[in-house]
C-alpha atoms as a PDB file:
ATOM      1  CA  MET A   1       3.890   4.271  38.317  1.00  0.00           C
ATOM      2  CA  GLU A   2       5.047   2.163  41.247  1.00  0.00           C
ATOM      3  CA  ILE A   3       2.112   1.110  43.477  1.00  0.00           C
ATOM      4  CA  PRO A   4       3.022   0.300  47.118  1.00  0.00           C
ATOM      5  CA  ASN A   5       1.632  -2.757  48.897  1.00  0.00           C
ATOM      6  CA  HIS A   6       0.320  -0.685  51.980  1.00  0.00           C
ATOM      7  CA  ILE A   7      -3.312  -0.396  51.451  1.00  0.00           C
ATOM      8  CA  SER A   8      -3.277   2.929  53.295  1.00  0.00           C
ATOM      9  CA  ALA A   9      -0.783   4.416  50.876  1.00  0.00           C
ATOM     10  CA  ILE A  10      -2.809   2.951  48.019  1.00  0.00           C
ATOM     11  CA  ALA A  11      -5.916   4.839  49.333  1.00  0.00           C
ATOM     12  CA  LYS A  12      -3.976   8.067  49.331  1.00  0.00           C
ATOM     13  CA  ILE A  13      -3.102   7.559  45.583  1.00  0.00           C
ATOM     14  CA  VAL A  14      -7.036   6.978  44.937  1.00  0.00           C
ATOM     15  CA  ARG A  15      -8.073   9.978  46.810  1.00  0.00           C
ATOM     16  CA  ASP A  16      -5.309  12.206  45.033  1.00  0.00           C
ATOM     17  CA  ASP A  17      -6.419  10.922  41.529  1.00  0.00           C
ATOM     18  CA  TRP A  18      -9.964  10.260  41.676  1.00  0.00           C
ATOM     19  CA  LYS A  19     -11.603  13.573  41.612  1.00  0.00           C
ATOM     20  CA  LYS A  20     -15.267  12.609  41.952  1.00  0.00           C
ATOM     21  CA  ILE A  21     -15.294   9.569  44.058  1.00  0.00           C
ATOM     22  CA  TYR A  22     -18.397   7.458  43.811  1.00  0.00           C
ATOM     23  CA  PHE A  23     -20.550   7.595  47.008  1.00  0.00           C
ATOM     24  CA  GLY A  24     -20.662   3.824  47.042  1.00  0.00           C
ATOM     25  CA  ALA A  25     -16.781   3.646  47.021  1.00  0.00           C
ATOM     26  CA  GLU A  26     -16.351   6.424  49.692  1.00  0.00           C
ATOM     27  CA  PRO A  27     -16.760   4.254  52.930  1.00  0.00           C
ATOM     28  CA  TYR A  28     -14.461   1.499  51.610  1.00  0.00           C
ATOM     29  CA  LEU A  29     -11.805   4.088  50.723  1.00  0.00           C
ATOM     30  CA  GLN A  30     -12.096   5.712  54.192  1.00  0.00           C
ATOM     31  CA  ALA A  31     -11.639   2.278  55.710  1.00  0.00           C
ATOM     32  CA  MET A  32      -8.691   1.672  53.500  1.00  0.00           C
ATOM     33  CA  GLU A  33      -7.114   4.554  54.653  1.00  0.00           C
ATOM     34  CA  GLN A  34      -6.737   2.861  58.097  1.00  0.00           C
ATOM     35  CA  ILE A  35      -5.505  -0.435  56.861  1.00  0.00           C
ATOM     36  CA  ASP A  36      -1.838  -1.415  56.238  1.00  0.00           C
ATOM     37  CA  CYS A  37      -1.995  -5.030  54.975  1.00  0.00           C
ATOM     38  CA  ILE A  38      -4.601  -7.335  53.544  1.00  0.00           C
ATOM     39  CA  ASP A  39      -4.221  -9.645  56.609  1.00  0.00           C
ATOM     40  CA  GLN A  40      -5.669  -6.993  58.845  1.00  0.00           C
ATOM     41  CA  MET A  41      -9.199  -6.526  60.360  1.00  0.00           C
ATOM     42  CA  TYR A  42     -11.247  -3.471  60.105  1.00  0.00           C
ATOM     43  CA  TYR A  43     -13.860  -3.666  62.946  1.00  0.00           C
ATOM     44  CA  GLU A  44     -15.790  -6.800  61.921  1.00  0.00           C
ATOM     45  CA  ASP A  45     -14.687  -6.965  58.261  1.00  0.00           C
ATOM     46  CA  THR A  46     -11.279  -8.267  56.952  1.00  0.00           C
ATOM     47  CA  ALA A  47      -9.222  -5.925  54.824  1.00  0.00           C
ATOM     48  CA  GLU A  48      -9.652  -8.372  52.059  1.00  0.00           C
ATOM     49  CA  GLN A  49     -13.563  -7.736  52.190  1.00  0.00           C
ATOM     50  CA  ILE A  50     -13.029  -4.024  52.222  1.00  0.00           C
ATOM     51  CA  VAL A  51     -10.665  -4.076  49.208  1.00  0.00           C
ATOM     52  CA  ARG A  52     -13.169  -6.316  47.371  1.00  0.00           C
ATOM     53  CA  TYR A  53     -16.246  -4.029  48.178  1.00  0.00           C
ATOM     54  CA  PHE A  54     -14.068  -0.983  47.122  1.00  0.00           C
ATOM     55  CA  LEU A  55     -13.221  -2.620  43.810  1.00  0.00           C
ATOM     56  CA  THR A  56     -16.752  -3.350  43.213  1.00  0.00           C
ATOM     57  CA  ASN A  57     -17.742   0.278  43.729  1.00  0.00           C
ATOM     58  CA  ALA A  58     -14.811   1.682  41.764  1.00  0.00           C
ATOM     59  CA  SER A  59     -15.768   0.702  38.361  1.00  0.00           C
ATOM     60  CA  SER A  60     -16.444   4.325  37.355  1.00  0.00           C
ATOM     61  CA  TRP A  61     -12.693   5.317  38.218  1.00  0.00           C
ATOM     62  CA  ARG A  62     -10.672   5.078  35.087  1.00  0.00           C
ATOM     63  CA  GLY A  63      -7.407   6.023  33.743  1.00  0.00           C
ATOM     64  CA  GLU A  64      -3.832   4.636  33.878  1.00  0.00           C
ATOM     65  CA  ILE A  65      -3.469   5.037  37.673  1.00  0.00           C
ATOM     66  CA  ALA A  66      -6.841   3.569  38.244  1.00  0.00           C
ATOM     67  CA  LYS A  67      -5.732   0.624  36.207  1.00  0.00           C
ATOM     68  CA  ALA A  68      -2.469   0.334  38.102  1.00  0.00           C
ATOM     69  CA  VAL A  69      -4.052   0.479  41.535  1.00  0.00           C
ATOM     70  CA  LYS A  70      -6.958  -1.933  40.771  1.00  0.00           C
ATOM     71  CA  ALA A  71      -4.243  -4.246  39.436  1.00  0.00           C
ATOM     72  CA  ARG A  72      -2.074  -3.974  42.563  1.00  0.00           C
ATOM     73  CA  LEU A  73      -5.268  -4.465  44.776  1.00  0.00           C
ATOM     74  CA  LYS A  74      -6.182  -7.577  42.882  1.00  0.00           C
ATOM     75  CA  GLU A  75      -2.559  -8.924  43.336  1.00  0.00           C
ATOM     76  CA  LEU A  76      -2.708  -8.210  47.060  1.00  0.00           C
ATOM     77  CA  LEU A  77      -5.994 -10.196  47.081  1.00  0.00           C
ATOM     78  CA  GLY A  78      -4.135 -13.213  45.334  1.00  0.00           C
ATOM     79  CA  GLU A  79      -6.191 -12.800  41.914  1.00  0.00           C
END
């Protein structure tokens, strides 16, 4: 599966695939839906911080799509 670079598009993939979203990941996923690129700000946080917090709280999301999305997000973070 080709994972896009736009964070809001990635958030849609997450929401479509992750059926029982962990409550700790939900606020960061909502923020990601409003962000296009990793260099943006979301209120007082950087998009980079939001993505890192999401990844920390998304450990229970598993599967091939989850693996591909997490890899793309880490790539966008420069990891």
